[in-house]
C-alpha atoms as a PDB file:
ATOM      1  CA  UNK A   1     -34.922  19.795 -26.906  1.00  0.00           C
ATOM      2  CA  UNK A   2     -36.062  16.199 -26.759  1.00  0.00           C
ATOM      3  CA  UNK A   3     -34.082  13.440 -25.171  1.00  0.00           C
ATOM      4  CA  UNK A   4     -33.663  10.215 -27.075  1.00  0.00           C
ATOM      5  CA  UNK A   5     -34.538   7.082 -25.148  1.00  0.00           C
ATOM      6  CA  UNK A   6     -31.766   4.752 -24.147  1.00  0.00           C
ATOM      7  CA  UNK A   7     -32.457   1.327 -25.557  1.00  0.00           C
ATOM      8  CA  UNK A   8     -30.551  -1.762 -24.489  1.00  0.00           C
ATOM      9  CA  UNK A   9     -30.562  -5.151 -26.115  1.00  0.00           C
ATOM     10  CA  UNK A  10     -28.550  -7.583 -28.150  1.00  0.00           C
ATOM     11  CA  UNK A  11     -27.496  -6.707 -31.676  1.00  0.00           C
ATOM     12  CA  UNK A  12     -30.223  -8.937 -32.999  1.00  0.00           C
ATOM     13  CA  UNK A  13     -32.804  -7.188 -30.805  1.00  0.00           C
ATOM     14  CA  UNK A  14     -31.659  -3.719 -31.852  1.00  0.00           C
ATOM     15  CA  UNK A  15     -31.285  -4.477 -35.545  1.00  0.00           C
ATOM     16  CA  UNK A  16     -34.905  -3.622 -36.346  1.00  0.00           C
ATOM     17  CA  UNK A  17     -34.514  -0.142 -34.810  1.00  0.00           C
ATOM     18  CA  UNK A  18     -31.458   0.526 -36.956  1.00  0.00           C
ATOM     19  CA  UNK A  19     -33.237  -0.727 -40.062  1.00  0.00           C
ATOM     20  CA  UNK A  20     -36.276   1.466 -39.371  1.00  0.00           C
ATOM     21  CA  UNK A  21     -34.083   4.588 -39.073  1.00  0.00           C
ATOM     22  CA  UNK A  22     -31.366   4.185 -41.721  1.00  0.00           C
ATOM     23  CA  UNK A  23     -30.551   7.917 -41.912  1.00  0.00           C
ATOM     24  CA  UNK A  24     -30.462   8.592 -38.155  1.00  0.00           C
ATOM     25  CA  UNK A  25     -27.200   8.647 -36.247  1.00  0.00           C
ATOM     26  CA  UNK A  26     -26.655   6.244 -33.360  1.00  0.00           C
ATOM     27  CA  UNK A  27     -24.026   5.736 -30.712  1.00  0.00           C
ATOM     28  CA  UNK A  28     -23.605   2.094 -29.834  1.00  0.00           C
ATOM     29  CA  UNK A  29     -21.335   0.688 -27.147  1.00  0.00           C
ATOM     30  CA  UNK A  30     -21.217  -2.874 -25.875  1.00  0.00           C
ATOM     31  CA  UNK A  31     -22.373  -3.269 -22.290  1.00  0.00           C
ATOM     32  CA  UNK A  32     -20.275  -6.367 -21.810  1.00  0.00           C
ATOM     33  CA  UNK A  33     -17.264  -7.827 -23.525  1.00  0.00           C
ATOM     34  CA  UNK A  34     -17.854 -11.572 -23.791  1.00  0.00           C
ATOM     35  CA  UNK A  35     -14.269 -12.284 -24.891  1.00  0.00           C
ATOM     36  CA  UNK A  36     -12.477  -9.972 -22.466  1.00  0.00           C
ATOM     37  CA  UNK A  37      -9.217 -11.333 -21.187  1.00  0.00           C
ATOM     38  CA  UNK A  38      -8.459 -11.216 -17.467  1.00  0.00           C
ATOM     39  CA  UNK A  39      -6.738  -8.046 -16.219  1.00  0.00           C
ATOM     40  CA  UNK A  40      -2.957  -7.891 -16.477  1.00  0.00           C
ATOM     41  CA  UNK A  41      -2.499  -7.822 -12.699  1.00  0.00           C
ATOM     42  CA  UNK A  42      -4.308 -11.151 -12.340  1.00  0.00           C
ATOM     43  CA  UNK A  43      -2.210 -13.094 -14.826  1.00  0.00           C
ATOM     44  CA  UNK A  44       1.201 -11.427 -15.134  1.00  0.00           C
ATOM     45  CA  UNK A  45       4.326 -13.178 -13.925  1.00  0.00           C
ATOM     46  CA  UNK A  46       7.047 -11.327 -12.020  1.00  0.00           C
ATOM     47  CA  UNK A  47       9.022 -11.042 -15.252  1.00  0.00           C
ATOM     48  CA  UNK A  48       6.026  -9.557 -17.091  1.00  0.00           C
ATOM     49  CA  UNK A  49       5.467  -7.045 -14.269  1.00  0.00           C
ATOM     50  CA  UNK A  50       9.137  -6.066 -14.416  1.00  0.00           C
ATOM     51  CA  UNK A  51       9.037  -5.644 -18.204  1.00  0.00           C
ATOM     52  CA  UNK A  52       5.829  -3.582 -18.058  1.00  0.00           C
ATOM     53  CA  UNK A  53       7.195  -1.368 -15.276  1.00  0.00           C
ATOM     54  CA  UNK A  54      10.489  -0.846 -17.098  1.00  0.00           C
ATOM     55  CA  UNK A  55       8.594   0.038 -20.272  1.00  0.00           C
ATOM     56  CA  UNK A  56       6.469   2.535 -18.319  1.00  0.00           C
ATOM     57  CA  UNK A  57       9.575   4.125 -16.802  1.00  0.00           C
ATOM     58  CA  UNK A  58      11.217   4.432 -20.216  1.00  0.00           C
ATOM     59  CA  UNK A  59       8.083   6.041 -21.672  1.00  0.00           C
ATOM     60  CA  UNK A  60       8.773   9.229 -19.691  1.00  0.00           C
ATOM     61  CA  UNK A  61      10.926  11.941 -21.175  1.00  0.00           C
ATOM     62  CA  UNK A  62      14.423  11.971 -19.716  1.00  0.00           C
ATOM     63  CA  UNK A  63      15.804  15.243 -18.477  1.00  0.00           C
ATOM     64  CA  UNK A  64      12.606  16.516 -16.929  1.00  0.00           C
ATOM     65  CA  UNK A  65      13.426  18.522 -13.807  1.00  0.00           C
ATOM     66  CA  UNK A  66      12.806  16.739 -10.529  1.00  0.00           C
ATOM     67  CA  UNK A  67      10.836  18.281  -7.708  1.00  0.00           C
ATOM     68  CA  UNK A  68      12.887  19.926  -4.995  1.00  0.00           C
ATOM     69  CA  UNK A  69      13.047  18.504  -1.489  1.00  0.00           C
ATOM     70  CA  UNK A  70      10.927  21.450  -0.341  1.00  0.00           C
ATOM     71  CA  UNK A  71       8.278  20.778  -2.988  1.00  0.00           C
ATOM     72  CA  UNK A  72       7.698  17.279  -1.622  1.00  0.00           C
ATOM     73  CA  UNK A  73       8.051  18.220   2.049  1.00  0.00           C
ATOM     74  CA  UNK A  74       5.068  18.558   4.367  1.00  0.00           C
ATOM     75  CA  UNK A  75       5.673  22.312   4.547  1.00  0.00           C
ATOM     76  CA  UNK A  76       5.761  22.627   0.772  1.00  0.00           C
ATOM     77  CA  UNK A  77       2.663  20.525   0.230  1.00  0.00           C
ATOM     78  CA  UNK A  78       0.570  22.343   2.851  1.00  0.00           C
ATOM     79  CA  UNK A  79       2.008  25.825   2.261  1.00  0.00           C
ATOM     80  CA  UNK A  80      -0.750  28.413   2.630  1.00  0.00           C
ATOM     81  CA  UNK A  81      -3.324  25.965   3.969  1.00  0.00           C
ATOM     82  CA  UNK A  82      -5.311  27.355   6.866  1.00  0.00           C
ATOM     83  CA  UNK A  83      -4.209  30.948   6.380  1.00  0.00           C
END
């Protein structure tokens, strides 16, 4: 089984490879995103954080059973460890 070489370059630089192998399959992924926006945590206001957190909370199914006090206790977490 041969391993295909990994080739990096700009679209313009890679275009000739694609044109030379029109029937071959390729997997292309950008190495950088030149128009990426800053991460949410760097730009969000307190109101945006609150809205995002509330949305996240509401995305969980209501009525799911909660863990018991024992399940989240030190004894419950480390039950059977070291035996």
